């Protein structure tokens, strides 16, 4: 089985190759000492902590959400460092994936079992999400280290429909395929979306529809997490998802409603949007300072 994800060299193909090679080199060159000695901010008390200290806390959680900007390779490097540290500390790691639908779980299982080669798996990844190169090393190490992969998402067609026409547009047949029966967006959630995604000043129906789509995404992923946790009482699920779904007001708030309160949120700093002066412990637990520009120390 190939150790490299194949890349089609058309349009932005060469850029993808460069990014994939850069990610591999960066992982090889990462220092072996403790990471994050001066750039992990613990929001509970405003102190800088080491990766070891943070992981000691994270490993006691059932769910650890690590937010990302999907196209930022530094965010994926940070995610992988934290995952490896958790596994080394003894956590029974499962990776929960926004970028795979729950109904594609058999594909993830076949990949883990070695029944799919890289090219076949990449094809399924593209059907579920799009670009695969940013996640290639995470998937390779998941299979190598036997970290189970869990698809959390729902049909993109349903999400797009809700974003365009609202939750009320879904048919009975579509609703029957969802693990939730309603999607009630309130002003508090809309304020969160404005802040989290920088969508200030929006109030019209299209914005409400967008919020319903985001909330539905949160609810379904939380429901799928809840079902998995019920059957795997010793697992620590590390959720890799976009920043907007990782905040405490998003998936964690929905987990809370399902009776799951033992979770942690880790977000990368995004200058001008997610900074020490703009977030608090009500938003997240740990902030990775400079994770958008430089890898963790």
Foldseek 3Di string as FASTA:
>chain_A
DDPDQDFDPDDCRVVLVVLLVVLVVVVVPDDPDWWQCDFKAFQVVRDRHTLLVVLVQQLVFQEEEEADDVPQLLSLLQLVVSQVSNVVVPALEAEEEQQAAQVCLVLQVCVLVVNDDSHVNVVNSCVRHRDDSSCSVVSVVCSVVVHHYGYQFHDPVLLVCLLAPNPVPDDPVRCVVAPDNDQDDDPVLLVLCCQQVVVPPDDDPSSVSNSSSQQSGLLRSLVSSVVVCVVVVRHRYYYYYHSSQQWCSHNVVNNVVVVRNRYFYEYEDDPPRRDPVPDHVNTGGMYRYPSSPDHTD
